[in-house]
């Protein structure tokens, strides 16, 4: 007896994200992007886009952003390092968070 085939459509070939996001654009793709970039915002038709009913209550900026880490050698006072280590195993993450907050404060003062 022959195997019965499904009535659904053929599955699309999946691409690895490493190939999808690292493959350089060809000339046709570059020209298309340049053409689209030249269109003024006022000429874009948003009539078929659904209206947003309300803003989401919990928007987390940078939720999926993972910054690149760089390993460094940093000299700190022994008592300062002991205090950070006393906070637990994720003390390096805590140091990074403190440094990021200070950096953002400095950026907002400009």
PDB file of N, CA and C in Angstrom:
ATOM      1  N   UNK A   1       0.840  -1.170   0.000  1.00  0.00           N
ATOM      2  CA  UNK A   1       0.000   0.000   0.000  1.00  0.00           C
ATOM      3  C   UNK A   1       0.893   1.244   0.000  1.00  0.00           C
ATOM      4  N   UNK A   2       0.586   2.229  -0.814  1.00  0.00           N
ATOM      5  CA  UNK A   2       1.367   3.461  -0.919  1.00  0.00           C
ATOM      6  C   UNK A   2       1.097   4.351   0.290  1.00  0.00           C
ATOM      7  N   UNK A   3       2.164   5.023   0.694  1.00  0.00           N
ATOM      8  CA  UNK A   3       2.039   5.928   1.837  1.00  0.00           C
ATOM      9  C   UNK A   3       1.248   7.164   1.431  1.00  0.00           C
ATOM     10  N   UNK A   4       0.274   7.520   2.242  1.00  0.00           N
ATOM     11  CA  UNK A   4      -0.571   8.665   1.959  1.00  0.00           C
ATOM     12  C   UNK A   4       0.201   9.952   2.217  1.00  0.00           C
ATOM     13  N   UNK A   5       0.173  10.860   1.258  1.00  0.00           N
ATOM     14  CA  UNK A   5       0.869  12.133   1.383  1.00  0.00           C
ATOM     15  C   UNK A   5      -0.016  13.157   2.086  1.00  0.00           C
ATOM     16  N   UNK A   6       0.618  14.009   2.804  1.00  0.00           N
ATOM     17  CA  UNK A   6      -0.101  15.046   3.524  1.00  0.00           C
ATOM     18  C   UNK A   6      -0.620  16.088   2.529  1.00  0.00           C
ATOM     19  N   UNK A   7      -1.696  16.734   2.866  1.00  0.00           N
ATOM     20  CA  UNK A   7      -2.269  17.750   1.996  1.00  0.00           C
ATOM     21  C   UNK A   7      -1.646  19.118   2.197  1.00  0.00           C
ATOM     22  N   UNK A   8      -0.754  19.234   3.180  1.00  0.00           N
ATOM     23  CA  UNK A   8      -0.156  20.544   3.434  1.00  0.00           C
ATOM     24  C   UNK A   8       0.944  20.835   2.422  1.00  0.00           C
ATOM     25  N   UNK A   9       1.322  22.095   2.367  1.00  0.00           N
ATOM     26  CA  UNK A   9       2.331  22.500   1.407  1.00  0.00           C
ATOM     27  C   UNK A   9       3.727  22.084   1.866  1.00  0.00           C
ATOM     28  N   UNK A  10       4.653  22.096   0.926  1.00  0.00           N
ATOM     29  CA  UNK A  10       6.018  21.697   1.204  1.00  0.00           C
ATOM     30  C   UNK A  10       6.669  22.681   2.170  1.00  0.00           C
ATOM     31  N   UNK A  11       7.455  22.135   3.097  1.00  0.00           N
ATOM     32  CA  UNK A  11       8.104  22.982   4.095  1.00  0.00           C
ATOM     33  C   UNK A  11       9.217  23.797   3.453  1.00  0.00           C
ATOM     34  N   UNK A  12       9.299  25.055   3.857  1.00  0.00           N
ATOM     35  CA  UNK A  12      10.315  25.951   3.327  1.00  0.00           C
ATOM     36  C   UNK A  12      11.692  25.540   3.833  1.00  0.00           C
ATOM     37  N   UNK A  13      12.707  25.657   2.974  1.00  0.00           N
ATOM     38  CA  UNK A  13      14.073  25.320   3.354  1.00  0.00           C
ATOM     39  C   UNK A  13      14.557  26.342   4.385  1.00  0.00           C
ATOM     40  N   UNK A  14      15.090  25.854   5.481  1.00  0.00           N
ATOM     41  CA  UNK A  14      15.547  26.736   6.550  1.00  0.00           C
ATOM     42  C   UNK A  14      17.010  27.090   6.346  1.00  0.00           C
ATOM     43  N   UNK A  15      17.328  28.340   6.647  1.00  0.00           N
ATOM     44  CA  UNK A  15      18.702  28.808   6.553  1.00  0.00           C
ATOM     45  C   UNK A  15      19.255  29.027   7.952  1.00  0.00           C
ATOM     46  N   UNK A  16      20.530  28.740   8.108  1.00  0.00           N
ATOM     47  CA  UNK A  16      21.174  29.036   9.381  1.00  0.00           C
ATOM     48  C   UNK A  16      21.251  30.547   9.558  1.00  0.00           C
ATOM     49  N   UNK A  17      21.053  31.020  10.777  1.00  0.00           N
ATOM     50  CA  UNK A  17      21.122  32.460  11.007  1.00  0.00           C
ATOM     51  C   UNK A  17      22.522  32.992  10.716  1.00  0.00           C
ATOM     52  N   UNK A  18      23.546  32.158  10.913  1.00  0.00           N
ATOM     53  CA  UNK A  18      24.910  32.606  10.617  1.00  0.00           C
ATOM     54  C   UNK A  18      25.071  32.888   9.126  1.00  0.00           C
ATOM     55  N   UNK A  19      24.381  32.132   8.284  1.00  0.00           N
ATOM     56  CA  UNK A  19      24.442  32.360   6.838  1.00  0.00           C
ATOM     57  C   UNK A  19      23.560  33.548   6.472  1.00  0.00           C
ATOM     58  N   UNK A  20      22.391  33.609   7.076  1.00  0.00           N
ATOM     59  CA  UNK A  20      21.429  34.655   6.752  1.00  0.00           C
ATOM     60  C   UNK A  20      21.947  36.046   7.093  1.00  0.00           C
ATOM     61  N   UNK A  21      22.610  36.191   8.223  1.00  0.00           N
ATOM     62  CA  UNK A  21      23.024  37.516   8.683  1.00  0.00           C
ATOM     63  C   UNK A  21      24.477  37.862   8.371  1.00  0.00           C
ATOM     64  N   UNK A  22      25.234  36.945   7.800  1.00  0.00           N
ATOM     65  CA  UNK A  22      26.625  37.252   7.486  1.00  0.00           C
ATOM     66  C   UNK A  22      26.913  37.219   5.993  1.00  0.00           C
ATOM     67  N   UNK A  23      25.932  36.803   5.199  1.00  0.00           N
ATOM     68  CA  UNK A  23      26.136  36.777   3.757  1.00  0.00           C
ATOM     69  C   UNK A  23      26.047  38.201   3.218  1.00  0.00           C
ATOM     70  N   UNK A  24      27.065  38.654   2.469  1.00  0.00           N
ATOM     71  CA  UNK A  24      27.024  40.023   1.943  1.00  0.00           C
ATOM     72  C   UNK A  24      25.907  40.190   0.910  1.00  0.00           C
ATOM     73  N   UNK A  25      25.399  41.404   0.808  1.00  0.00           N
ATOM     74  CA  UNK A  25      24.346  41.693  -0.161  1.00  0.00           C
ATOM     75  C   UNK A  25      24.929  41.723  -1.567  1.00  0.00           C
ATOM     76  N   UNK A  26      24.117  41.261  -2.533  1.00  0.00           N
ATOM     77  CA  UNK A  26      24.572  41.370  -3.923  1.00  0.00           C
ATOM     78  C   UNK A  26      24.195  42.760  -4.442  1.00  0.00           C
ATOM     79  N   UNK A  27      24.626  43.069  -5.653  1.00  0.00           N
ATOM     80  CA  UNK A  27      24.411  44.415  -6.209  1.00  0.00           C
ATOM     81  C   UNK A  27      22.929  44.749  -6.349  1.00  0.00           C
ATOM     82  N   UNK A  28      22.119  43.787  -6.762  1.00  0.00           N
ATOM     83  CA  UNK A  28      20.678  44.013  -6.920  1.00  0.00           C
ATOM     84  C   UNK A  28      20.040  44.368  -5.573  1.00  0.00           C
ATOM     85  N   UNK A  29      20.426  43.652  -4.522  1.00  0.00           N
ATOM     86  CA  UNK A  29      19.886  43.922  -3.187  1.00  0.00           C
ATOM     87  C   UNK A  29      20.324  45.304  -2.690  1.00  0.00           C
ATOM     88  N   UNK A  30      21.571  45.667  -2.950  1.00  0.00           N
ATOM     89  CA  UNK A  30      22.065  46.983  -2.541  1.00  0.00           C
ATOM     90  C   UNK A  30      21.300  48.100  -3.249  1.00  0.00           C
ATOM     91  N   UNK A  31      21.043  47.937  -4.557  1.00  0.00           N
ATOM     92  CA  UNK A  31      20.307  48.956  -5.312  1.00  0.00           C
ATOM     93  C   UNK A  31      18.881  49.083  -4.804  1.00  0.00           C
ATOM     94  N   UNK A  32      18.262  47.943  -4.463  1.00  0.00           N
ATOM     95  CA  UNK A  32      16.892  47.958  -3.947  1.00  0.00           C
ATOM     96  C   UNK A  32      16.833  48.706  -2.614  1.00  0.00           C
ATOM     97  N   UNK A  33      17.790  48.459  -1.726  1.00  0.00           N
ATOM     98  CA  UNK A  33      17.824  49.161  -0.447  1.00  0.00           C
ATOM     99  C   UNK A  33      18.062  50.659  -0.628  1.00  0.00           C
ATOM    100  N   UNK A  34      18.917  51.025  -1.558  1.00  0.00           N
ATOM    101  CA  UNK A  34      19.162  52.441  -1.842  1.00  0.00           C
ATOM    102  C   UNK A  34      17.897  53.110  -2.368  1.00  0.00           C
ATOM    103  N   UNK A  35      17.155  52.403  -3.238  1.00  0.00           N
ATOM    104  CA  UNK A  35      15.910  52.940  -3.795  1.00  0.00           C
ATOM    105  C   UNK A  35      14.887  53.157  -2.680  1.00  0.00           C
ATOM    106  N   UNK A  36      14.761  52.187  -1.790  1.00  0.00           N
ATOM    107  CA  UNK A  36      13.799  52.281  -0.694  1.00  0.00           C
ATOM    108  C   UNK A  36      14.193  53.404   0.270  1.00  0.00           C
ATOM    109  N   UNK A  37      15.482  53.564   0.524  1.00  0.00           N
ATOM    110  CA  UNK A  37      15.951  54.601   1.446  1.00  0.00           C
ATOM    111  C   UNK A  37      15.648  56.001   0.935  1.00  0.00           C
ATOM    112  N   UNK A  38      15.529  56.160  -0.370  1.00  0.00           N
ATOM    113  CA  UNK A  38      15.270  57.478  -0.954  1.00  0.00           C
ATOM    114  C   UNK A  38      13.801  57.885  -0.872  1.00  0.00           C
ATOM    115  N   UNK A  39      12.917  56.942  -0.567  1.00  0.00           N
ATOM    116  CA  UNK A  39      11.484  57.244  -0.479  1.00  0.00           C
ATOM    117  C   UNK A  39      11.234  58.043   0.807  1.00  0.00           C
ATOM    118  N   UNK A  40      10.620  59.225   0.713  1.00  0.00           N
ATOM    119  CA  UNK A  40      10.338  60.001   1.931  1.00  0.00           C
ATOM    120  C   UNK A  40       9.256  59.319   2.774  1.00  0.00           C
ATOM    121  N   UNK A  41       9.303  59.529   4.077  1.00  0.00           N
ATOM    122  CA  UNK A  41       8.332  58.917   4.981  1.00  0.00           C
ATOM    123  C   UNK A  41       6.896  59.296   4.614  1.00  0.00           C
ATOM    124  N   UNK A  42       6.710  60.496   4.110  1.00  0.00           N
ATOM    125  CA  UNK A  42       5.358  60.949   3.770  1.00  0.00           C
ATOM    126  C   UNK A  42       4.773  60.164   2.590  1.00  0.00           C
ATOM    127  N   UNK A  43       5.614  59.510   1.809  1.00  0.00           N
ATOM    128  CA  UNK A  43       5.136  58.754   0.647  1.00  0.00           C
ATOM    129  C   UNK A  43       4.808  57.297   0.989  1.00  0.00           C
ATOM    130  N   UNK A  44       5.056  56.879   2.213  1.00  0.00           N
ATOM    131  CA  UNK A  44       4.783  55.493   2.608  1.00  0.00           C
ATOM    132  C   UNK A  44       3.321  55.360   3.003  1.00  0.00           C
ATOM    133  N   UNK A  45       2.665  54.342   2.455  1.00  0.00           N
ATOM    134  CA  UNK A  45       1.245  54.098   2.716  1.00  0.00           C
ATOM    135  C   UNK A  45       1.102  53.130   3.891  1.00  0.00           C
ATOM    136  N   UNK A  46       0.613  53.632   5.006  1.00  0.00           N
ATOM    137  CA  UNK A  46       0.414  52.806   6.200  1.00  0.00           C
ATOM    138  C   UNK A  46      -1.038  52.369   6.367  1.00  0.00           C
ATOM    139  N   UNK A  47      -1.870  52.555   5.368  1.00  0.00           N
ATOM    140  CA  UNK A  47      -3.298  52.295   5.513  1.00  0.00           C
ATOM    141  C   UNK A  47      -3.612  50.832   5.817  1.00  0.00           C
ATOM    142  N   UNK A  48      -2.774  49.903   5.370  1.00  0.00           N
ATOM    143  CA  UNK A  48      -3.058  48.491   5.620  1.00  0.00           C
ATOM    144  C   UNK A  48      -2.432  47.985   6.920  1.00  0.00           C
ATOM    145  N   UNK A  49      -1.689  48.835   7.607  1.00  0.00           N
ATOM    146  CA  UNK A  49      -1.077  48.440   8.878  1.00  0.00           C
ATOM    147  C   UNK A  49      -2.110  48.597   9.992  1.00  0.00           C
ATOM    148  N   UNK A  50      -2.272  47.574  10.839  1.00  0.00           N
ATOM    149  CA  UNK A  50      -3.259  47.674  11.923  1.00  0.00           C
ATOM    150  C   UNK A  50      -2.830  48.712  12.954  1.00  0.00           C
ATOM    151  N   UNK A  51      -3.800  49.407  13.514  1.00  0.00           N
ATOM    152  CA  UNK A  51      -3.542  50.409  14.548  1.00  0.00           C
ATOM    153  C   UNK A  51      -3.180  49.706  15.848  1.00  0.00           C
ATOM    154  N   UNK A  52      -2.264  50.293  16.578  1.00  0.00           N
ATOM    155  CA  UNK A  52      -1.909  49.775  17.888  1.00  0.00           C
ATOM    156  C   UNK A  52      -2.981  50.217  18.870  1.00  0.00           C
ATOM    157  N   UNK A  53      -3.623  49.255  19.517  1.00  0.00           N
ATOM    158  CA  UNK A  53      -4.722  49.577  20.423  1.00  0.00           C
ATOM    159  C   UNK A  53      -4.224  50.349  21.637  1.00  0.00           C
ATOM    160  N   UNK A  54      -3.165  49.885  22.243  1.00  0.00           N
ATOM    161  CA  UNK A  54      -2.561  50.591  23.369  1.00  0.00           C
ATOM    162  C   UNK A  54      -1.098  50.177  23.468  1.00  0.00           C
ATOM    163  N   UNK A  55      -0.341  51.011  24.109  1.00  0.00           N
ATOM    164  CA  UNK A  55       1.081  50.694  24.267  1.00  0.00           C
ATOM    165  C   UNK A  55       1.232  49.543  25.261  1.00  0.00           C
ATOM    166  N   UNK A  56       2.158  48.643  25.007  1.00  0.00           N
ATOM    167  CA  UNK A  56       2.383  47.554  25.974  1.00  0.00           C
ATOM    168  C   UNK A  56       2.805  48.119  27.322  1.00  0.00           C
ATOM    169  N   UNK A  57       2.343  47.484  28.426  1.00  0.00           N
ATOM    170  CA  UNK A  57       2.636  48.038  29.740  1.00  0.00           C
ATOM    171  C   UNK A  57       4.085  47.804  30.165  1.00  0.00           C
ATOM    172  N   UNK A  58       4.705  46.743  29.722  1.00  0.00           N
ATOM    173  CA  UNK A  58       6.066  46.469  30.164  1.00  0.00           C
ATOM    174  C   UNK A  58       6.991  46.369  28.956  1.00  0.00           C
ATOM    175  N   UNK A  59       7.473  47.504  28.522  1.00  0.00           N
ATOM    176  CA  UNK A  59       8.417  47.534  27.415  1.00  0.00           C
ATOM    177  C   UNK A  59       9.816  47.525  28.011  1.00  0.00           C
ATOM    178  N   UNK A  60      10.609  46.551  27.596  1.00  0.00           N
ATOM    179  CA  UNK A  60      11.973  46.460  28.097  1.00  0.00           C
ATOM    180  C   UNK A  60      12.926  46.780  26.958  1.00  0.00           C
ATOM    181  N   UNK A  61      13.535  47.932  27.033  1.00  0.00           N
ATOM    182  CA  UNK A  61      14.483  48.357  26.006  1.00  0.00           C
ATOM    183  C   UNK A  61      15.731  47.500  26.122  1.00  0.00           C
ATOM    184  N   UNK A  62      16.177  46.960  24.996  1.00  0.00           N
ATOM    185  CA  UNK A  62      17.392  46.162  24.977  1.00  0.00           C
ATOM    186  C   UNK A  62      17.227  44.760  25.511  1.00  0.00           C
ATOM    187  N   UNK A  63      16.004  44.259  25.556  1.00  0.00           N
ATOM    188  CA  UNK A  63      15.751  42.936  26.129  1.00  0.00           C
ATOM    189  C   UNK A  63      16.534  41.846  25.400  1.00  0.00           C
ATOM    190  N   UNK A  64      16.625  41.944  24.088  1.00  0.00           N
ATOM    191  CA  UNK A  64      17.295  40.906  23.311  1.00  0.00           C
ATOM    192  C   UNK A  64      18.701  41.327  22.897  1.00  0.00           C
ATOM    193  N   UNK A  65      19.145  42.466  23.378  1.00  0.00           N
ATOM    194  CA  UNK A  65      20.485  42.942  23.048  1.00  0.00           C
ATOM    195  C   UNK A  65      21.477  42.357  24.031  1.00  0.00           C
ATOM    196  N   UNK A  66      22.509  41.714  23.509  1.00  0.00           N
ATOM    197  CA  UNK A  66      23.540  41.157  24.362  1.00  0.00           C
ATOM    198  C   UNK A  66      24.861  41.804  23.966  1.00  0.00           C
ATOM    199  N   UNK A  67      25.374  42.719  24.787  1.00  0.00           N
ATOM    200  CA  UNK A  67      26.602  43.408  24.406  1.00  0.00           C
ATOM    201  C   UNK A  67      27.780  42.449  24.335  1.00  0.00           C
ATOM    202  N   UNK A  68      28.731  42.802  23.501  1.00  0.00           N
ATOM    203  CA  UNK A  68      29.948  42.010  23.364  1.00  0.00           C
ATOM    204  C   UNK A  68      30.803  42.232  24.606  1.00  0.00           C
ATOM    205  N   UNK A  69      31.254  41.146  25.193  1.00  0.00           N
ATOM    206  CA  UNK A  69      32.103  41.239  26.381  1.00  0.00           C
ATOM    207  C   UNK A  69      33.561  41.219  25.951  1.00  0.00           C
ATOM    208  N   UNK A  70      34.376  41.942  26.683  1.00  0.00           N
ATOM    209  CA  UNK A  70      35.805  41.961  26.421  1.00  0.00           C
ATOM    210  C   UNK A  70      36.537  41.685  27.720  1.00  0.00           C
ATOM    211  N   UNK A  71      37.411  40.704  27.695  1.00  0.00           N
ATOM    212  CA  UNK A  71      38.156  40.352  28.891  1.00  0.00           C
ATOM    213  C   UNK A  71      39.308  41.333  29.086  1.00  0.00           C
ATOM    214  N   UNK A  72      39.398  41.857  30.309  1.00  0.00           N
ATOM    215  CA  UNK A  72      40.464  42.817  30.629  1.00  0.00           C
ATOM    216  C   UNK A  72      41.116  42.414  31.936  1.00  0.00           C
ATOM    217  N   UNK A  73      42.210  43.058  32.236  1.00  0.00           N
ATOM    218  CA  UNK A  73      42.855  42.911  33.535  1.00  0.00           C
ATOM    219  C   UNK A  73      42.673  44.245  34.238  1.00  0.00           C
ATOM    220  N   UNK A  74      42.117  44.205  35.435  1.00  0.00           N
ATOM    221  CA  UNK A  74      41.804  45.435  36.159  1.00  0.00           C
ATOM    222  C   UNK A  74      42.326  45.313  37.579  1.00  0.00           C
ATOM    223  N   UNK A  75      43.054  46.306  38.021  1.00  0.00           N
ATOM    224  CA  UNK A  75      43.581  46.288  39.385  1.00  0.00           C
ATOM    225  C   UNK A  75      42.652  47.111  40.281  1.00  0.00           C
ATOM    226  N   UNK A  76      42.172  46.458  41.356  1.00  0.00           N
ATOM    227  CA  UNK A  76      41.328  47.145  42.342  1.00  0.00           C
ATOM    228  C   UNK A  76      41.880  46.842  43.729  1.00  0.00           C
ATOM    229  N   UNK A  77      41.525  47.653  44.680  1.00  0.00           N
ATOM    230  CA  UNK A  77      41.959  47.430  46.059  1.00  0.00           C
ATOM    231  C   UNK A  77      41.386  46.105  46.564  1.00  0.00           C
ATOM    232  N   UNK A  78      42.165  45.419  47.401  1.00  0.00           N
ATOM    233  CA  UNK A  78      41.771  44.097  47.898  1.00  0.00           C
ATOM    234  C   UNK A  78      40.456  44.145  48.676  1.00  0.00           C
ATOM    235  N   UNK A  79      40.271  45.187  49.492  1.00  0.00           N
ATOM    236  CA  UNK A  79      39.036  45.266  50.275  1.00  0.00           C
ATOM    237  C   UNK A  79      37.819  45.506  49.387  1.00  0.00           C
ATOM    238  N   UNK A  80      37.998  46.264  48.296  1.00  0.00           N
ATOM    239  CA  UNK A  80      36.897  46.508  47.355  1.00  0.00           C
ATOM    240  C   UNK A  80      36.509  45.203  46.672  1.00  0.00           C
ATOM    241  N   UNK A  81      37.518  44.452  46.209  1.00  0.00           N
ATOM    242  CA  UNK A  81      37.252  43.171  45.558  1.00  0.00           C
ATOM    243  C   UNK A  81      36.601  42.191  46.527  1.00  0.00           C
ATOM    244  N   UNK A  82      37.054  42.164  47.765  1.00  0.00           N
ATOM    245  CA  UNK A  82      36.461  41.273  48.769  1.00  0.00           C
ATOM    246  C   UNK A  82      34.989  41.611  48.993  1.00  0.00           C
ATOM    247  N   UNK A  83      34.678  42.909  49.001  1.00  0.00           N
ATOM    248  CA  UNK A  83      33.282  43.313  49.193  1.00  0.00           C
ATOM    249  C   UNK A  83      32.418  42.843  48.030  1.00  0.00           C
ATOM    250  N   UNK A  84      32.904  43.025  46.788  1.00  0.00           N
ATOM    251  CA  UNK A  84      32.138  42.559  45.632  1.00  0.00           C
ATOM    252  C   UNK A  84      31.974  41.041  45.661  1.00  0.00           C
ATOM    253  N   UNK A  85      33.050  40.323  45.982  1.00  0.00           N
ATOM    254  CA  UNK A  85      32.973  38.854  46.029  1.00  0.00           C
ATOM    255  C   UNK A  85      32.016  38.374  47.102  1.00  0.00           C
ATOM    256  N   UNK A  86      31.869  39.136  48.170  1.00  0.00           N
ATOM    257  CA  UNK A  86      30.960  38.734  49.250  1.00  0.00           C
ATOM    258  C   UNK A  86      29.495  38.776  48.815  1.00  0.00           C
ATOM    259  N   UNK A  87      29.233  39.422  47.712  1.00  0.00           N
ATOM    260  CA  UNK A  87      27.861  39.521  47.207  1.00  0.00           C
ATOM    261  C   UNK A  87      27.421  38.244  46.500  1.00  0.00           C
ATOM    262  N   UNK A  88      28.349  37.338  46.215  1.00  0.00           N
ATOM    263  CA  UNK A  88      27.973  36.063  45.596  1.00  0.00           C
ATOM    264  C   UNK A  88      28.750  35.790  44.320  1.00  0.00           C
ATOM    265  N   UNK A  89      28.357  34.706  43.664  1.00  0.00           N
ATOM    266  CA  UNK A  89      29.110  34.224  42.504  1.00  0.00           C
ATOM    267  C   UNK A  89      29.009  35.139  41.285  1.00  0.00           C
ATOM    268  N   UNK A  90      28.015  35.986  41.229  1.00  0.00           N
ATOM    269  CA  UNK A  90      27.850  36.858  40.060  1.00  0.00           C
ATOM    270  C   UNK A  90      28.384  38.268  40.327  1.00  0.00           C
ATOM    271  N   UNK A  91      29.442  38.343  41.111  1.00  0.00           N
ATOM    272  CA  UNK A  91      29.980  39.655  41.487  1.00  0.00           C
ATOM    273  C   UNK A  91      30.507  40.418  40.277  1.00  0.00           C
ATOM    274  N   UNK A  92      31.030  39.704  39.259  1.00  0.00           N
ATOM    275  CA  UNK A  92      31.539  40.394  38.077  1.00  0.00           C
ATOM    276  C   UNK A  92      30.397  41.056  37.300  1.00  0.00           C
ATOM    277  N   UNK A  93      29.266  40.378  37.233  1.00  0.00           N
ATOM    278  CA  UNK A  93      28.090  40.952  36.588  1.00  0.00           C
ATOM    279  C   UNK A  93      27.627  42.188  37.349  1.00  0.00           C
ATOM    280  N   UNK A  94      27.675  42.128  38.666  1.00  0.00           N
ATOM    281  CA  UNK A  94      27.283  43.271  39.489  1.00  0.00           C
ATOM    282  C   UNK A  94      28.212  44.462  39.243  1.00  0.00           C
ATOM    283  N   UNK A  95      29.524  44.198  39.155  1.00  0.00           N
ATOM    284  CA  UNK A  95      30.487  45.268  38.852  1.00  0.00           C
ATOM    285  C   UNK A  95      30.155  45.892  37.503  1.00  0.00           C
ATOM    286  N   UNK A  96      29.878  45.045  36.513  1.00  0.00           N
ATOM    287  CA  UNK A  96      29.548  45.542  35.175  1.00  0.00           C
ATOM    288  C   UNK A  96      28.283  46.396  35.204  1.00  0.00           C
ATOM    289  N   UNK A  97      27.269  45.954  35.959  1.00  0.00           N
ATOM    290  CA  UNK A  97      26.021  46.713  36.063  1.00  0.00           C
ATOM    291  C   UNK A  97      26.263  48.091  36.692  1.00  0.00           C
ATOM    292  N   UNK A  98      27.091  48.133  37.742  1.00  0.00           N
ATOM    293  CA  UNK A  98      27.406  49.419  38.368  1.00  0.00           C
ATOM    294  C   UNK A  98      28.135  50.351  37.400  1.00  0.00           C
ATOM    295  N   UNK A  99      29.101  49.804  36.683  1.00  0.00           N
ATOM    296  CA  UNK A  99      29.840  50.608  35.716  1.00  0.00           C
ATOM    297  C   UNK A  99      28.921  51.113  34.604  1.00  0.00           C
ATOM    298  N   UNK A 100      27.984  50.264  34.154  1.00  0.00           N
ATOM    299  CA  UNK A 100      27.046  50.672  33.101  1.00  0.00           C
ATOM    300  C   UNK A 100      26.151  51.808  33.589  1.00  0.00           C
ATOM    301  N   UNK A 101      25.655  51.703  34.832  1.00  0.00           N
ATOM    302  CA  UNK A 101      24.808  52.781  35.374  1.00  0.00           C
ATOM    303  C   UNK A 101      25.558  54.099  35.433  1.00  0.00           C
ATOM    304  N   UNK A 102      26.796  54.056  35.873  1.00  0.00           N
ATOM    305  CA  UNK A 102      27.611  55.275  35.931  1.00  0.00           C
ATOM    306  C   UNK A 102      27.862  55.835  34.531  1.00  0.00           C
ATOM    307  N   UNK A 103      28.106  54.930  33.560  1.00  0.00           N
ATOM    308  CA  UNK A 103      28.313  55.379  32.181  1.00  0.00           C
ATOM    309  C   UNK A 103      27.056  56.070  31.654  1.00  0.00           C
ATOM    310  N   UNK A 104      25.881  55.483  31.913  1.00  0.00           N
ATOM    311  CA  UNK A 104      24.634  56.060  31.426  1.00  0.00           C
ATOM    312  C   UNK A 104      24.336  57.393  32.106  1.00  0.00           C
ATOM    313  N   UNK A 105      24.677  57.529  33.382  1.00  0.00           N
ATOM    314  CA  UNK A 105      24.513  58.817  34.052  1.00  0.00           C
ATOM    315  C   UNK A 105      25.358  59.877  33.374  1.00  0.00           C
ATOM    316  N   UNK A 106      26.607  59.516  33.079  1.00  0.00           N
ATOM    317  CA  UNK A 106      27.516  60.450  32.419  1.00  0.00           C
ATOM    318  C   UNK A 106      27.025  60.838  31.042  1.00  0.00           C
ATOM    319  N   UNK A 107      26.445  59.891  30.313  1.00  0.00           N
ATOM    320  CA  UNK A 107      25.928  60.176  28.975  1.00  0.00           C
ATOM    321  C   UNK A 107      24.702  61.082  29.038  1.00  0.00           C
ATOM    322  N   UNK A 108      23.876  60.897  30.078  1.00  0.00           N
ATOM    323  CA  UNK A 108      22.647  61.698  30.171  1.00  0.00           C
ATOM    324  C   UNK A 108      22.949  63.142  30.590  1.00  0.00           C
ATOM    325  N   UNK A 109      24.097  63.388  31.194  1.00  0.00           N
ATOM    326  CA  UNK A 109      24.464  64.750  31.618  1.00  0.00           C
ATOM    327  C   UNK A 109      24.932  65.598  30.451  1.00  0.00           C
ATOM    328  N   UNK A 110      25.281  64.980  29.354  1.00  0.00           N
ATOM    329  CA  UNK A 110      25.799  65.739  28.197  1.00  0.00           C
ATOM    330  C   UNK A 110      24.744  66.578  27.546  1.00  0.00           C
TER     331      UNK A 110
END
